[in-house]
Amino acid sequence: MDERVHNDIPADARSSEAVIAQVVCFSSALQGGDAIGHVRLAAPLRHAGIQLVDGMEGGWVEPTRIAESDLVVVQRDFPREYEAYRTVVETARSAGKPLVFELDDLLYRLPETHPDRRNHGFFTALLPMLQALLEADMVLVPTRALQNALRDLHPNVLVFPNYLDDELWELKPPTRTEASQDTVTIGYMGTASHTPDLEFLAPALHRLAERYPGRLRFRFWGMEPPPSLQGLPAVEWAQPYLRSYREFVSHFQTQSADIAIAPLVDNPFNRCKSPIKFLEYSAQGIPGVYSHIVYGEVVEHGHTGLLASSLEEWEACLIRLIEDPTLRAAMAERAQNTVAQHWRLSRNALQWAERIRQGLQGLERPKGLEPFLGYLDAINVQLIQGIRDLTAQGRHSHEQIQALEIQLAESARRNRALSEQVEELERQATSLRRELEAHRQQVEQLESEILGYVLSRSWRLTRPLRRIHRVLTRAKKRV
């Protein structure tokens, strides 16, 4: 355990008399109780005895809440609501309130395979978030790696790690299994953003399924297993409707597994992530195999968990735990003790305010940024307006397309009706042609019979018949 993660606050900062009693926060994850809002803000401030105030009401900034608070926090992608964000900054500056930008991921460098990059989830937020990073008084992040990644952009980046909210999480005793031939459940908990990480691990999991036929069960909580893993035997997927992080914890604590996994593809984005899965798996009493990046800072290999980088290492670590239930139980117990001693929020929440005080004391505003920020602000204004205009145009075009589709559907309906009428007329015409042909044949037959009479020698006797022939001939021409 690296004690510096918890105790790197200078003594003069700890003794500061600055008081933070109320924090006003602007976040898209606060009202719904999302994990980001809970883990990074709501829970730490509650444990620290600091009142957290939502700065928005009905979608509008409430300036009085800024003036009444000791600190203003803007979280993650809130600046995508650019007009609201500018109001927050201007009000905070006018009121002389310190402004903190809280960021939990290196969203500026999403890898190409990340789902949020593929679906352009942060497309409209990246430039406003960059502006928020540059003009904040301080930046708060969960890991040293993210701190190092942002240091070239801001001189005042502080670390407050993610901790286990022990008001929500109950430490469950690890399950001890004596038999090594029982079915072993390998579990993974996470969101769809980790699809590339599981795809990376898929070949190793397939080899394990072949090595232990009928002995392995794969259980996924949250995200749907990627296609490459859905073909594995005994795959289970649980996706309950959970509206908040609190509900997730309540549900997950009813679940179980023998081994947990936390793979991460090695890239700049993942290297800045938090090792929170180690805390949550360990609270459940589940031993785990973890990516060497990120988790290498908190997991002691072979003691509180196993660390792996290559697929061969992942396979070897999982085999080791599959075949040794005694090791699983001992490792889970040691991991849980580590969490209980070092990673409970109740033991570390006071650091939140201490780190902010530290940042306020050593506040160093970047120099010479005003012209750049002015241009960035102008760019963001144009960008947001352009996106709105394009969105409105797209919406208008969509409405026009819908109207045309309705017209085309109506035209198609009319064409079908006309086609049915034409078909009916063709059927009637065909029937009439058949009747006319039958009448023509009858007339020809009568004409033949009449000519026979006319050409006979008894023409005098047949004179009346010749008259009939002329009558019939005129009738034939009319037909």
Protein backbone atom coordinates (compact mmCIF):
# COMPACT_ATOMS: atom_id res chain seq x y z
CA MET A 1 0.00 0.00 0.00
CA ASP A 2 1.41 3.37 -1.05
CA GLU A 3 0.64 5.61 1.90
CA ARG A 4 1.46 8.66 -0.21
CA VAL A 5 -1.84 8.17 -1.99
CA HIS A 6 -3.60 9.13 1.23
CA ASN A 7 -1.21 11.29 3.19
CA ASP A 8 0.52 13.63 0.75
CA ILE A 9 -1.16 16.78 2.11
CA PRO A 10 1.45 19.18 3.51
CA ALA A 11 1.21 19.93 7.22
CA ASP A 12 0.54 23.61 6.62
CA ALA A 13 -2.41 22.75 4.42
CA ARG A 14 -3.86 20.42 7.07
CA SER A 15 -3.69 23.18 9.65
CA SER A 16 -5.40 25.71 7.43
CA GLU A 17 -8.26 27.57 9.05
CA ALA A 18 -10.14 28.02 5.78
CA VAL A 19 -13.66 26.66 6.12
CA ILE A 20 -15.64 24.93 3.37
CA ALA A 21 -19.13 24.47 4.76
CA GLN A 22 -21.18 24.53 1.55
CA VAL A 23 -20.34 23.56 -2.03
CA VAL A 24 -22.52 24.36 -5.01
CA CYS A 25 -22.16 21.90 -7.86
CA PHE A 26 -23.08 21.97 -11.53
CA SER A 27 -23.25 18.46 -12.94
CA SER A 28 -25.39 16.43 -15.32
CA ALA A 29 -24.91 13.40 -13.02
CA LEU A 30 -26.03 14.87 -9.71
CA GLN A 31 -29.82 14.85 -9.79
CA GLY A 32 -30.17 11.27 -11.03
CA GLY A 33 -27.76 9.89 -8.45
CA ASP A 34 -25.41 8.60 -11.16
CA ALA A 35 -22.19 6.88 -10.13
CA ILE A 36 -19.99 9.84 -11.11
CA GLY A 37 -22.02 12.33 -9.11
CA HIS A 38 -22.27 10.02 -6.12
CA VAL A 39 -18.71 8.69 -5.94
CA ARG A 40 -16.91 11.93 -6.79
CA LEU A 41 -19.11 14.52 -5.05
CA ALA A 42 -22.23 13.55 -3.11
CA ALA A 43 -20.74 10.78 -0.94
CA PRO A 44 -17.38 12.46 -0.11
CA LEU A 45 -19.07 15.72 0.87
CA ARG A 46 -21.69 13.94 2.95
CA HIS A 47 -19.02 12.00 4.85
CA ALA A 48 -17.00 15.20 5.30
CA GLY A 49 -20.00 17.04 6.76
CA ILE A 50 -20.09 19.53 3.87
CA GLN A 51 -23.44 20.60 2.47
CA LEU A 52 -23.78 19.91 -1.25
CA VAL A 53 -26.12 22.20 -3.18
CA ASP A 54 -27.36 21.62 -6.72
CA GLY A 55 -26.77 24.86 -8.59
CA MET A 56 -29.55 24.29 -11.13
CA GLU A 57 -33.30 24.66 -10.84
CA GLY A 58 -35.51 23.71 -13.74
CA GLY A 59 -32.57 23.81 -16.11
CA TRP A 60 -31.51 27.32 -15.05
CA VAL A 61 -28.54 28.50 -13.02
CA GLU A 62 -29.47 29.90 -9.60
CA PRO A 63 -26.92 32.68 -8.95
CA THR A 64 -27.90 33.06 -5.29
CA ARG A 65 -26.72 29.50 -4.62
CA ILE A 66 -23.29 30.47 -5.91
CA ALA A 67 -23.12 33.56 -3.73
CA GLU A 68 -24.17 31.61 -0.63
CA SER A 69 -21.58 28.82 -1.11
CA ASP A 70 -17.89 28.65 -0.26
CA LEU A 71 -16.87 26.77 -3.39
CA VAL A 72 -18.18 26.28 -6.94
CA VAL A 73 -17.65 22.90 -8.64
CA VAL A 74 -18.24 22.22 -12.33
CA GLN A 75 -18.21 18.50 -13.09
CA ARG A 76 -17.16 16.63 -16.19
CA ASP A 77 -19.21 17.48 -19.32
CA PHE A 78 -21.53 20.07 -17.78
CA PRO A 79 -19.83 22.83 -19.88
CA ARG A 80 -21.51 21.41 -22.98
CA GLU A 81 -24.47 23.50 -21.72
CA TYR A 82 -22.35 26.45 -22.67
CA GLU A 83 -24.60 29.40 -21.82
CA ALA A 84 -25.27 27.93 -18.37
CA TYR A 85 -21.57 27.27 -17.88
CA ARG A 86 -20.62 30.85 -18.83
CA THR A 87 -23.20 32.15 -16.36
CA VAL A 88 -21.64 29.99 -13.62
CA VAL A 89 -18.12 31.27 -14.35
CA GLU A 90 -19.13 34.93 -14.54
CA THR A 91 -21.22 34.69 -11.35
CA ALA A 92 -18.45 32.88 -9.45
CA ARG A 93 -15.87 35.44 -10.55
CA SER A 94 -18.14 38.34 -9.56
CA ALA A 95 -18.79 36.77 -6.15
CA GLY A 96 -15.11 35.95 -5.59
CA LYS A 97 -15.80 32.22 -5.24
CA PRO A 98 -13.09 29.63 -6.09
CA LEU A 99 -13.97 27.58 -9.17
CA VAL A 100 -13.10 23.86 -9.33
CA PHE A 101 -13.34 21.68 -12.43
CA GLU A 102 -13.88 18.01 -11.44
CA LEU A 103 -12.88 15.43 -14.05
CA ASP A 104 -12.73 11.65 -13.60
CA ASP A 105 -11.54 10.48 -17.04
CA LEU A 106 -9.14 11.63 -19.77
CA LEU A 107 -12.07 12.31 -22.09
CA TYR A 108 -9.93 14.51 -24.34
CA ARG A 109 -8.13 11.36 -25.53
CA LEU A 110 -10.79 8.73 -26.05
CA PRO A 111 -9.34 5.79 -28.04
CA GLU A 112 -10.78 5.08 -31.48
CA THR A 113 -12.42 1.84 -30.29
CA HIS A 114 -14.19 3.47 -27.33
CA PRO A 115 -18.00 3.42 -27.77
CA ASP A 116 -18.31 7.07 -26.69
CA ARG A 117 -15.94 8.08 -29.47
CA ARG A 118 -17.71 5.97 -32.06
CA ASN A 119 -21.12 7.42 -31.19
CA HIS A 120 -19.69 10.95 -30.73
CA GLY A 121 -21.03 11.12 -27.18
CA PHE A 122 -18.70 13.98 -26.18
CA PHE A 123 -18.44 15.71 -29.55
CA THR A 124 -20.19 18.90 -28.40
CA ALA A 125 -18.54 18.87 -24.95
CA LEU A 126 -14.80 18.56 -25.64
CA LEU A 127 -13.97 22.19 -26.46
CA PRO A 128 -16.14 23.60 -23.64
CA MET A 129 -14.52 21.09 -21.27
CA LEU A 130 -11.08 22.23 -22.39
CA GLN A 131 -12.08 25.81 -21.64
CA ALA A 132 -13.38 24.76 -18.21
CA LEU A 133 -10.09 23.01 -17.49
CA LEU A 134 -8.02 26.03 -18.46
CA GLU A 135 -9.99 28.73 -16.65
CA ALA A 136 -10.74 26.87 -13.39
CA ASP A 137 -8.84 27.87 -10.27
CA MET A 138 -8.06 24.23 -9.65
CA VAL A 139 -8.78 20.82 -11.17
CA LEU A 140 -9.76 17.78 -9.08
CA VAL A 141 -9.08 14.25 -10.41
CA PRO A 142 -9.15 10.70 -8.96
CA THR A 143 -5.70 9.41 -10.04
CA ARG A 144 -2.09 10.49 -10.26
CA ALA A 145 -1.96 9.36 -13.88
CA LEU A 146 -4.76 11.78 -14.80
CA GLN A 147 -3.05 14.48 -12.76
CA ASN A 148 0.15 13.98 -14.74
CA ALA A 149 -1.73 13.97 -18.05
CA LEU A 150 -3.28 17.38 -17.28
CA ARG A 151 -0.34 19.10 -15.60
CA ASP A 152 0.89 20.65 -18.84
CA LEU A 153 -2.51 22.34 -19.20
CA HIS A 154 -3.03 23.48 -15.61
CA PRO A 155 -0.57 24.02 -12.73
CA ASN A 156 -3.08 23.27 -9.97
CA VAL A 157 -4.34 19.70 -10.50
CA LEU A 158 -5.18 17.91 -7.22
CA VAL A 159 -5.84 14.23 -6.57
CA PHE A 160 -8.70 12.90 -4.48
CA PRO A 161 -8.95 9.12 -5.04
CA ASN A 162 -12.18 7.18 -5.32
CA TYR A 163 -13.08 5.42 -2.08
CA LEU A 164 -15.69 2.85 -1.08
CA ASP A 165 -18.81 4.47 0.34
CA ASP A 166 -19.16 2.28 3.42
CA GLU A 167 -22.59 3.71 4.14
CA LEU A 168 -23.74 1.81 1.04
CA TRP A 169 -21.32 -1.10 0.80
CA GLU A 170 -21.42 -3.88 3.36
CA LEU A 171 -18.25 -5.97 3.57
CA LYS A 172 -19.40 -9.53 2.86
CA PRO A 173 -17.25 -12.41 4.15
CA PRO A 174 -15.57 -14.33 1.30
CA THR A 175 -17.13 -17.66 0.37
CA ARG A 176 -14.93 -20.65 1.18
CA THR A 177 -15.17 -23.68 -1.12
CA GLU A 178 -13.20 -26.85 -0.43
CA ALA A 179 -13.87 -28.81 -3.63
CA SER A 180 -11.76 -27.86 -6.63
CA GLN A 181 -14.09 -29.55 -9.14
CA ASP A 182 -17.20 -27.44 -8.52
CA THR A 183 -18.53 -25.02 -11.10
CA VAL A 184 -16.58 -21.77 -10.98
CA THR A 185 -18.26 -18.47 -11.83
CA ILE A 186 -16.15 -15.75 -13.45
CA GLY A 187 -17.89 -12.40 -13.12
CA TYR A 188 -17.56 -8.96 -14.66
CA MET A 189 -19.37 -5.77 -13.69
CA GLY A 190 -19.27 -2.63 -15.85
CA THR A 191 -20.83 -0.49 -18.54
CA ALA A 192 -20.74 -0.79 -22.33
CA SER A 193 -17.79 1.61 -22.44
CA HIS A 194 -15.60 -1.38 -21.47
CA THR A 195 -16.56 -3.47 -24.50
CA PRO A 196 -13.06 -3.14 -26.08
CA ASP A 197 -11.47 -4.31 -22.81
CA LEU A 198 -13.55 -7.48 -22.73
CA GLU A 199 -12.99 -8.07 -26.45
CA PHE A 200 -9.26 -8.02 -25.72
CA LEU A 201 -9.69 -10.75 -23.08
CA ALA A 202 -12.11 -12.89 -25.12
CA PRO A 203 -9.51 -15.31 -26.61
CA ALA A 204 -8.21 -16.23 -23.16
CA LEU A 205 -11.74 -16.84 -21.86
CA HIS A 206 -12.53 -19.07 -24.83
CA ARG A 207 -9.40 -21.14 -24.18
CA LEU A 208 -10.40 -21.51 -20.53
CA ALA A 209 -13.87 -22.72 -21.54
CA GLU A 210 -12.23 -25.39 -23.70
CA ARG A 211 -9.80 -26.33 -20.91
CA TYR A 212 -12.58 -26.72 -18.33
CA PRO A 213 -15.64 -28.01 -20.24
CA GLY A 214 -18.78 -27.77 -18.12
CA ARG A 215 -16.95 -26.25 -15.14
CA LEU A 216 -17.06 -22.52 -15.92
CA ARG A 217 -19.91 -20.05 -15.76
CA PHE A 218 -19.51 -16.48 -17.07
CA ARG A 219 -21.67 -13.83 -15.44
CA PHE A 220 -21.97 -10.20 -16.62
CA TRP A 221 -23.65 -7.40 -14.69
CA GLY A 222 -24.65 -4.22 -16.51
CA MET A 223 -23.21 -4.36 -20.00
CA GLU A 224 -24.31 -6.94 -22.55
CA PRO A 225 -21.51 -9.44 -23.23
CA PRO A 226 -19.75 -8.52 -26.48
CA PRO A 227 -20.54 -10.82 -29.45
CA SER A 228 -17.22 -12.63 -29.14
CA LEU A 229 -18.20 -13.82 -25.64
CA GLN A 230 -21.85 -14.63 -26.23
CA GLY A 231 -20.85 -17.94 -27.79
CA LEU A 232 -19.25 -19.16 -24.57
CA PRO A 233 -21.11 -21.89 -22.66
CA ALA A 234 -23.10 -20.87 -19.58
CA VAL A 235 -23.07 -17.11 -20.21
CA GLU A 236 -25.39 -15.13 -17.94
CA TRP A 237 -26.29 -11.48 -18.36
CA ALA A 238 -28.09 -9.43 -15.69
CA GLN A 239 -29.28 -5.97 -16.68
CA PRO A 240 -31.78 -4.84 -14.05
CA TYR A 241 -33.40 -1.43 -14.36
CA LEU A 242 -31.36 0.64 -11.92
CA ARG A 243 -31.88 4.40 -11.77
CA SER A 244 -29.01 5.34 -9.47
CA TYR A 245 -25.67 4.23 -8.07
CA ARG A 246 -27.38 3.55 -4.75
CA GLU A 247 -29.75 1.10 -6.45
CA PHE A 248 -26.83 -0.51 -8.27
CA VAL A 249 -25.00 -1.15 -4.99
CA SER A 250 -28.13 -2.59 -3.41
CA HIS A 251 -28.59 -4.98 -6.34
CA PHE A 252 -24.95 -5.94 -6.80
CA GLN A 253 -24.61 -6.88 -3.13
CA THR A 254 -27.13 -9.69 -3.74
CA GLN A 255 -24.95 -11.18 -6.50
CA SER A 256 -22.06 -13.61 -6.26
CA ALA A 257 -19.09 -14.96 -8.19
CA ASP A 258 -15.99 -17.01 -7.47
CA ILE A 259 -13.57 -14.85 -9.48
CA ALA A 260 -13.87 -11.27 -10.72
CA ILE A 261 -12.04 -9.78 -13.69
CA ALA A 262 -11.10 -6.19 -14.53
CA PRO A 263 -9.28 -6.08 -17.88
CA LEU A 264 -8.07 -2.82 -19.44
CA VAL A 265 -6.49 -2.32 -22.84
CA ASP A 266 -3.25 -0.40 -22.40
CA ASN A 267 -3.80 3.10 -23.80
CA PRO A 268 -3.49 6.67 -22.44
CA PHE A 269 -7.21 6.87 -21.64
CA ASN A 270 -7.33 3.64 -19.62
CA ARG A 271 -4.08 4.40 -17.81
CA CYS A 272 -5.82 7.39 -16.19
CA LYS A 273 -8.77 5.40 -14.86
CA SER A 274 -9.52 4.65 -11.23
CA PRO A 275 -9.09 1.17 -9.61
CA ILE A 276 -12.60 1.33 -8.14
CA LYS A 277 -13.53 -2.19 -9.28
CA PHE A 278 -10.95 -3.58 -6.84
CA LEU A 279 -12.82 -1.83 -4.02
CA GLU A 280 -16.25 -3.01 -5.12
CA TYR A 281 -15.26 -6.62 -5.87
CA SER A 282 -13.36 -6.85 -2.59
CA ALA A 283 -16.35 -5.54 -0.65
CA GLN A 284 -18.27 -8.49 -2.09
CA GLY A 285 -15.58 -10.91 -0.92
CA ILE A 286 -14.67 -11.82 -4.52
CA PRO A 287 -11.01 -12.35 -5.43
CA GLY A 288 -9.96 -10.87 -8.72
CA VAL A 289 -7.56 -10.77 -11.63
CA TYR A 290 -6.84 -7.18 -12.61
CA SER A 291 -5.10 -5.28 -15.36
CA HIS A 292 -1.55 -4.40 -14.43
CA ILE A 293 -2.17 -0.82 -15.52
CA VAL A 294 -4.20 1.15 -12.96
CA TYR A 295 -4.61 -1.75 -10.51
CA GLY A 296 -0.88 -2.26 -10.06
CA GLU A 297 -0.94 0.77 -7.75
CA VAL A 298 -3.41 -0.77 -5.27
CA VAL A 299 -3.24 -4.55 -5.72
CA GLU A 300 -0.37 -6.53 -4.25
CA HIS A 301 0.19 -9.32 -6.77
CA GLY A 302 -0.31 -12.76 -5.27
CA HIS A 303 -1.51 -11.30 -1.96
CA THR A 304 -4.63 -9.16 -2.48
CA GLY A 305 -5.19 -10.09 -6.11
CA LEU A 306 -3.48 -11.15 -9.32
CA LEU A 307 -2.17 -8.75 -11.96
CA ALA A 308 -1.93 -9.50 -15.68
CA SER A 309 -0.95 -7.72 -18.88
CA SER A 310 -0.73 -10.20 -21.79
CA LEU A 311 -3.37 -12.77 -22.68
CA GLU A 312 -0.97 -15.50 -21.54
CA GLU A 313 -0.68 -13.85 -18.12
CA TRP A 314 -4.45 -13.48 -17.88
CA GLU A 315 -4.98 -17.13 -18.69
CA ALA A 316 -2.33 -18.28 -16.21
CA CYS A 317 -3.76 -16.12 -13.40
CA LEU A 318 -7.31 -17.33 -13.99
CA ILE A 319 -6.15 -20.97 -14.08
CA ARG A 320 -4.43 -20.44 -10.78
CA LEU A 321 -7.61 -19.18 -9.11
CA ILE A 322 -9.90 -21.70 -10.83
CA GLU A 323 -7.86 -24.61 -9.50
CA ASP A 324 -7.23 -23.31 -5.98
CA PRO A 325 -10.38 -22.42 -3.98
CA THR A 326 -8.33 -22.04 -0.80
CA LEU A 327 -6.20 -19.36 -2.48
CA ARG A 328 -9.35 -17.63 -3.68
CA ALA A 329 -10.75 -17.37 -0.16
CA ALA A 330 -7.47 -16.21 1.39
CA MET A 331 -6.84 -13.65 -1.32
CA ALA A 332 -10.39 -12.27 -1.06
CA GLU A 333 -10.04 -11.95 2.71
CA ARG A 334 -6.74 -10.08 2.46
CA ALA A 335 -8.15 -7.77 -0.25
CA GLN A 336 -11.17 -6.98 1.89
CA ASN A 337 -8.97 -6.20 4.88
CA THR A 338 -6.96 -3.80 2.69
CA VAL A 339 -10.13 -2.03 1.62
CA ALA A 340 -11.38 -1.86 5.20
CA GLN A 341 -8.12 -0.36 6.45
CA HIS A 342 -7.28 2.05 3.65
CA TRP A 343 -10.11 2.59 1.19
CA ARG A 344 -13.29 3.27 3.15
CA LEU A 345 -14.71 6.70 2.49
CA SER A 346 -15.54 7.29 6.15
CA ARG A 347 -11.80 7.16 6.93
CA ASN A 348 -10.73 9.45 4.06
CA ALA A 349 -13.54 11.89 3.30
CA LEU A 350 -11.96 14.75 5.26
CA GLN A 351 -9.17 14.78 2.69
CA TRP A 352 -11.61 16.25 0.16
CA ALA A 353 -11.74 19.61 1.92
CA GLU A 354 -8.05 19.41 2.85
CA ARG A 355 -7.00 19.00 -0.76
CA ILE A 356 -9.15 21.95 -1.79
CA ARG A 357 -7.59 24.04 0.99
CA GLN A 358 -4.19 22.93 -0.24
CA GLY A 359 -5.08 24.08 -3.73
CA LEU A 360 -6.41 27.42 -2.49
CA GLN A 361 -3.24 28.10 -0.51
CA GLY A 362 -0.96 27.32 -3.41
CA LEU A 363 -3.28 28.87 -5.99
CA GLU A 364 -1.34 29.68 -9.11
CA ARG A 365 -3.36 31.02 -11.99
CA PRO A 366 -1.83 30.38 -15.41
CA LYS A 367 -0.42 33.60 -16.86
CA GLY A 368 -1.06 34.93 -20.32
CA LEU A 369 -4.14 32.78 -20.92
CA GLU A 370 -6.66 35.61 -21.24
CA PRO A 371 -6.23 36.16 -25.01
CA PHE A 372 -6.32 32.40 -25.65
CA LEU A 373 -9.41 31.95 -23.45
CA GLY A 374 -11.05 34.85 -25.27
CA TYR A 375 -10.53 33.12 -28.61
CA LEU A 376 -11.62 29.77 -27.14
CA ASP A 377 -14.79 31.38 -25.81
CA ALA A 378 -15.51 32.92 -29.23
CA ILE A 379 -14.91 29.54 -30.90
CA ASN A 380 -17.22 27.78 -28.46
CA VAL A 381 -19.97 30.34 -28.99
CA GLN A 382 -19.76 29.84 -32.75
CA LEU A 383 -19.45 26.09 -32.41
CA ILE A 384 -22.46 25.74 -30.14
CA GLN A 385 -24.54 28.06 -32.32
CA GLY A 386 -23.46 26.19 -35.44
CA ILE A 387 -24.37 22.86 -33.91
CA ARG A 388 -27.74 24.24 -32.86
CA ASP A 389 -28.37 25.59 -36.35
CA LEU A 390 -27.35 22.30 -37.95
CA THR A 391 -29.50 20.42 -35.46
CA ALA A 392 -32.46 22.68 -36.26
CA GLN A 393 -31.83 22.26 -39.98
CA GLY A 394 -31.56 18.53 -39.51
CA ARG A 395 -34.79 18.52 -37.54
CA HIS A 396 -36.49 20.61 -40.24
CA SER A 397 -35.14 18.31 -42.95
CA HIS A 398 -36.33 15.33 -40.97
CA GLU A 399 -39.80 16.86 -40.72
CA GLN A 400 -39.77 17.55 -44.46
CA ILE A 401 -38.70 13.98 -45.14
CA GLN A 402 -41.48 12.72 -42.90
CA ALA A 403 -44.00 14.91 -44.77
CA LEU A 404 -42.70 13.60 -48.11
CA GLU A 405 -42.90 10.05 -46.83
CA ILE A 406 -46.53 10.66 -45.86
CA GLN A 407 -47.22 12.11 -49.34
CA LEU A 408 -45.46 9.19 -50.99
CA ALA A 409 -47.45 6.76 -48.87
CA GLU A 410 -50.68 8.53 -49.87
CA SER A 411 -49.62 8.55 -53.54
CA ALA A 412 -48.78 4.87 -53.30
CA ARG A 413 -52.21 4.21 -51.79
CA ARG A 414 -53.89 6.11 -54.63
CA ASN A 415 -51.77 4.33 -57.21
CA ARG A 416 -52.77 1.01 -55.73
CA ALA A 417 -56.44 2.05 -55.93
CA LEU A 418 -56.01 3.18 -59.56
CA SER A 419 -54.16 -0.03 -60.39
CA GLU A 420 -57.03 -2.02 -58.92
CA GLN A 421 -59.51 0.01 -61.03
CA VAL A 422 -57.44 -0.52 -64.19
CA GLU A 423 -57.21 -4.23 -63.47
CA GLU A 424 -61.01 -4.36 -63.03
CA LEU A 425 -61.55 -2.49 -66.32
CA GLU A 426 -59.15 -4.86 -68.07
CA ARG A 427 -61.07 -7.81 -66.68
CA GLN A 428 -64.36 -6.28 -67.96
CA ALA A 429 -62.79 -5.53 -71.37
CA THR A 430 -61.51 -9.09 -71.60
CA SER A 431 -64.97 -10.39 -70.76
CA LEU A 432 -66.56 -8.14 -73.44
CA ARG A 433 -64.01 -9.24 -76.03
CA ARG A 434 -64.89 -12.84 -75.27
CA GLU A 435 -68.63 -12.09 -75.67
CA LEU A 436 -68.01 -10.24 -78.96
CA GLU A 437 -65.93 -13.13 -80.24
CA ALA A 438 -68.75 -15.52 -79.38
CA HIS A 439 -71.29 -13.27 -81.21
CA ARG A 440 -68.99 -13.03 -84.22
CA GLN A 441 -68.72 -16.80 -84.42
CA GLN A 442 -72.52 -17.10 -84.22
CA VAL A 443 -72.96 -14.54 -87.01
CA GLU A 444 -70.41 -16.31 -89.22
CA GLN A 445 -72.23 -19.57 -88.68
CA LEU A 446 -75.59 -17.99 -89.59
CA GLU A 447 -73.99 -16.32 -92.60
CA SER A 448 -72.64 -19.61 -93.81
CA GLU A 449 -76.03 -21.23 -93.46
CA ILE A 450 -77.72 -18.34 -95.27
CA LEU A 451 -75.22 -18.40 -98.14
CA GLY A 452 -75.94 -22.06 -98.53
CA TYR A 453 -79.56 -21.25 -99.07
CA VAL A 454 -78.81 -18.37 -101.41
CA LEU A 455 -76.54 -20.44 -103.63
CA SER A 456 -79.02 -23.28 -103.90
CA ARG A 457 -81.05 -23.80 -107.13
CA SER A 458 -84.29 -23.19 -105.44
CA TRP A 459 -83.41 -19.47 -105.22
CA ARG A 460 -86.96 -18.43 -105.74
CA LEU A 461 -88.00 -20.33 -102.79
CA THR A 462 -85.13 -18.87 -100.85
CA ARG A 463 -85.64 -15.20 -101.76
CA PRO A 464 -86.99 -14.45 -98.30
CA LEU A 465 -83.86 -15.97 -96.90
CA ARG A 466 -81.66 -13.65 -98.99
CA ARG A 467 -83.45 -10.75 -97.45
CA ILE A 468 -82.71 -12.16 -94.08
CA HIS A 469 -79.04 -12.46 -95.14
CA ARG A 470 -78.89 -8.78 -95.99
CA VAL A 471 -80.42 -7.90 -92.68
CA LEU A 472 -77.94 -10.03 -90.84
CA THR A 473 -75.03 -8.59 -92.82
CA ARG A 474 -75.99 -5.06 -91.81
CA ALA A 475 -76.35 -6.23 -88.24
CA LYS A 476 -72.88 -7.78 -88.40
CA LYS A 477 -71.34 -4.51 -89.57
CA ARG A 478 -72.93 -2.63 -86.74
CA VAL A 479 -71.46 -5.13 -84.29
